[in-house]
Amino acid sequence: MEGVTELEKAAYDRAVRLCLDPVYRTALNCCRNPQDAEDVVQTAFLKLLECGTPFQDEEHIRKWLIRVAVNEAHSIWRSFWRRNVCSLEEQPTEPSFTEPEHSELFHAVQKLPIRYREVVHLYYYEDYSIREIAELLKISETAIQTRLMRARRKLKTTLKEAWK
């Protein structure tokens, strides 16, 4: 990294250590495959490296990186290539579960439309408040509440049918 001071390098390394997991989880949730998620994370951290904007604190960096990751994931899904190519080799990878209820919940969340899956992930798995999610996704708090309510309703219906 030419032209970067040791202090800047240390701050960047710390940001990578602290933010890599949540940014990757968010990217994986949006992209649904590890390869695209890794590309999204790499792009997000490259943008952080190139960004000249001063950040207030580590939480500000984390939120910024998650926002960049969400935008990059959306760009991938909107791309001409993604819309027009279907790979036969893509196998969805999923975690293994010790309890069947967790597996059913995971599959139910993965079947939600992206707009609901995003807010469910950020709210329940990344522990962001409704206000923070609204800032990250650049939509109103009311829209976040509505999406969470609709997602819960869909999950309740889906899971009720699964357990009958």
Protein backbone atom coordinates (compact mmCIF):
# COMPACT_ATOMS: atom_id res chain seq x y z
CA MET A 1 0.00 0.00 0.00
CA GLU A 2 2.01 2.91 -1.32
CA GLY A 3 1.51 6.31 0.22
CA VAL A 4 -0.27 4.93 3.26
CA THR A 5 1.09 5.69 6.70
CA GLU A 6 1.52 2.99 9.33
CA LEU A 7 -1.26 4.59 11.37
CA GLU A 8 -3.67 4.42 8.43
CA LYS A 9 -2.65 0.82 7.73
CA ALA A 10 -3.23 -0.11 11.38
CA ALA A 11 -6.67 1.56 11.34
CA TYR A 12 -7.57 -0.26 8.11
CA ASP A 13 -6.38 -3.62 9.50
CA ARG A 14 -8.46 -3.04 12.64
CA ALA A 15 -11.53 -2.20 10.54
CA VAL A 16 -11.05 -5.42 8.56
CA ARG A 17 -10.76 -7.50 11.73
CA LEU A 18 -13.83 -5.93 13.32
CA CYS A 19 -16.10 -5.69 10.29
CA LEU A 20 -15.24 -8.63 8.05
CA ASP A 21 -17.71 -11.10 9.58
CA PRO A 22 -20.81 -8.85 9.68
CA VAL A 23 -20.11 -7.50 6.19
CA TYR A 24 -19.63 -11.02 4.80
CA ARG A 25 -22.80 -12.31 6.52
CA THR A 26 -24.79 -9.41 5.10
CA ALA A 27 -23.33 -9.94 1.62
CA LEU A 28 -24.02 -13.68 1.78
CA ASN A 29 -27.58 -13.00 2.87
CA CYS A 30 -28.10 -10.66 -0.08
CA CYS A 31 -26.23 -12.67 -2.71
CA ARG A 32 -27.14 -16.20 -1.61
CA ASN A 33 -23.83 -17.64 -2.75
CA PRO A 34 -20.37 -17.40 -1.26
CA GLN A 35 -18.56 -16.44 -4.46
CA ASP A 36 -20.63 -13.32 -5.07
CA ALA A 37 -20.55 -12.50 -1.35
CA GLU A 38 -16.74 -12.65 -1.37
CA ASP A 39 -16.66 -10.33 -4.39
CA VAL A 40 -19.00 -7.91 -2.63
CA VAL A 41 -16.87 -7.93 0.53
CA GLN A 42 -13.69 -7.40 -1.45
CA THR A 43 -15.23 -4.45 -3.27
CA ALA A 44 -16.51 -2.94 -0.02
CA PHE A 45 -13.10 -3.11 1.64
CA LEU A 46 -11.37 -1.75 -1.47
CA LYS A 47 -13.75 1.21 -1.38
CA LEU A 48 -12.91 1.70 2.29
CA LEU A 49 -9.22 1.73 1.42
CA GLU A 50 -9.79 4.31 -1.32
CA CYS A 51 -12.27 6.36 0.68
CA GLY A 52 -10.91 9.65 1.91
CA THR A 53 -13.86 10.36 4.18
CA PRO A 54 -13.08 10.56 7.88
CA PHE A 55 -15.21 8.28 10.04
CA GLN A 56 -16.54 9.15 13.49
CA ASP A 57 -15.86 5.76 15.08
CA GLU A 58 -15.72 2.02 14.39
CA GLU A 59 -19.52 1.68 14.33
CA HIS A 60 -19.65 4.36 11.63
CA ILE A 61 -17.16 2.34 9.55
CA ARG A 62 -19.18 -0.86 10.11
CA LYS A 63 -22.43 0.79 9.00
CA TRP A 64 -20.70 2.35 5.99
CA LEU A 65 -19.23 -1.01 4.94
CA ILE A 66 -22.58 -2.78 5.31
CA ARG A 67 -24.26 -0.08 3.23
CA VAL A 68 -21.61 -0.46 0.51
CA ALA A 69 -22.01 -4.26 0.63
CA VAL A 70 -25.80 -4.02 0.25
CA ASN A 71 -25.39 -1.62 -2.69
CA GLU A 72 -22.82 -3.88 -4.35
CA ALA A 73 -25.04 -6.94 -3.87
CA HIS A 74 -27.94 -5.09 -5.44
CA SER A 75 -25.70 -4.10 -8.34
CA ILE A 76 -24.83 -7.74 -8.92
CA TRP A 77 -28.49 -8.75 -8.96
CA ARG A 78 -29.36 -5.93 -11.36
CA SER A 79 -26.51 -6.67 -13.73
CA PHE A 80 -27.19 -7.87 -17.26
CA TRP A 81 -25.03 -10.94 -16.68
CA ARG A 82 -26.97 -12.04 -13.57
CA ARG A 83 -30.33 -11.55 -15.25
CA ASN A 84 -29.38 -13.50 -18.35
CA VAL A 85 -27.09 -16.31 -17.18
CA CYS A 86 -27.87 -19.32 -15.08
CA SER A 87 -24.99 -21.45 -13.83
CA LEU A 88 -25.62 -25.16 -13.44
CA GLU A 89 -22.63 -25.46 -11.13
CA GLU A 90 -23.90 -23.07 -8.49
CA GLN A 91 -24.85 -25.12 -5.49
CA PRO A 92 -26.41 -23.25 -2.61
CA THR A 93 -24.40 -23.68 0.54
CA GLU A 94 -26.22 -23.65 3.80
CA PRO A 95 -25.26 -24.15 7.39
CA SER A 96 -25.98 -27.42 9.16
CA PHE A 97 -28.49 -27.31 11.97
CA THR A 98 -28.76 -29.45 15.09
CA GLU A 99 -32.48 -28.78 15.45
CA PRO A 100 -34.98 -29.13 12.60
CA GLU A 101 -36.81 -25.95 13.66
CA HIS A 102 -33.69 -23.87 12.97
CA SER A 103 -33.36 -25.41 9.53
CA GLU A 104 -36.99 -24.69 8.71
CA LEU A 105 -36.63 -21.10 9.90
CA PHE A 106 -33.47 -20.64 7.82
CA HIS A 107 -35.19 -21.97 4.69
CA ALA A 108 -38.27 -19.85 5.34
CA VAL A 109 -36.16 -16.69 5.72
CA GLN A 110 -34.20 -17.54 2.55
CA LYS A 111 -37.47 -17.82 0.60
CA LEU A 112 -38.53 -14.30 1.55
CA PRO A 113 -38.20 -11.60 -1.10
CA ILE A 114 -34.91 -9.69 -0.84
CA ARG A 115 -36.54 -6.57 0.63
CA TYR A 116 -37.85 -8.59 3.60
CA ARG A 117 -34.85 -10.92 3.91
CA GLU A 118 -32.53 -7.91 4.17
CA VAL A 119 -34.33 -6.26 7.06
CA VAL A 120 -34.85 -9.56 8.91
CA HIS A 121 -31.13 -10.30 8.65
CA LEU A 122 -30.04 -6.84 9.78
CA TYR A 123 -32.58 -6.70 12.61
CA TYR A 124 -32.31 -10.21 14.06
CA TYR A 125 -28.82 -11.39 13.09
CA GLU A 126 -26.82 -8.16 13.08
CA ASP A 127 -28.78 -6.57 15.97
CA TYR A 128 -29.39 -3.23 14.28
CA SER A 129 -32.25 -1.05 15.44
CA ILE A 130 -35.00 0.02 13.09
CA ARG A 131 -33.49 3.51 12.94
CA GLU A 132 -30.05 2.14 12.06
CA ILE A 133 -31.48 -0.13 9.35
CA ALA A 134 -33.37 2.83 7.89
CA GLU A 135 -30.11 4.79 7.73
CA LEU A 136 -28.25 1.84 6.18
CA LEU A 137 -30.85 1.16 3.50
CA LYS A 138 -31.71 4.83 2.96
CA ILE A 139 -35.44 4.30 3.48
CA SER A 140 -37.82 5.50 6.17
CA GLU A 141 -38.20 3.88 9.58
CA THR A 142 -41.86 3.29 8.78
CA ALA A 143 -40.87 1.32 5.68
CA ILE A 144 -38.52 -0.81 7.80
CA GLN A 145 -41.26 -1.47 10.35
CA THR A 146 -43.67 -2.38 7.56
CA ARG A 147 -41.17 -4.74 5.95
CA LEU A 148 -40.44 -6.42 9.28
CA MET A 149 -44.15 -6.80 9.98
CA ARG A 150 -44.79 -8.29 6.54
CA ALA A 151 -41.78 -10.58 6.81
CA ARG A 152 -42.95 -11.84 10.21
CA ARG A 153 -46.41 -12.41 8.82
CA LYS A 154 -45.03 -14.37 5.84
CA LEU A 155 -42.76 -16.40 8.12
CA LYS A 156 -45.64 -17.14 10.49
CA THR A 157 -47.79 -18.36 7.62
CA THR A 158 -44.98 -20.37 6.06
CA LEU A 159 -43.83 -21.94 9.30
CA LYS A 160 -47.37 -22.68 10.46
CA GLU A 161 -47.95 -24.62 7.23
CA ALA A 162 -44.63 -26.45 7.65
CA TRP A 163 -45.47 -27.61 11.16
CA LYS A 164 -49.03 -28.79 10.41
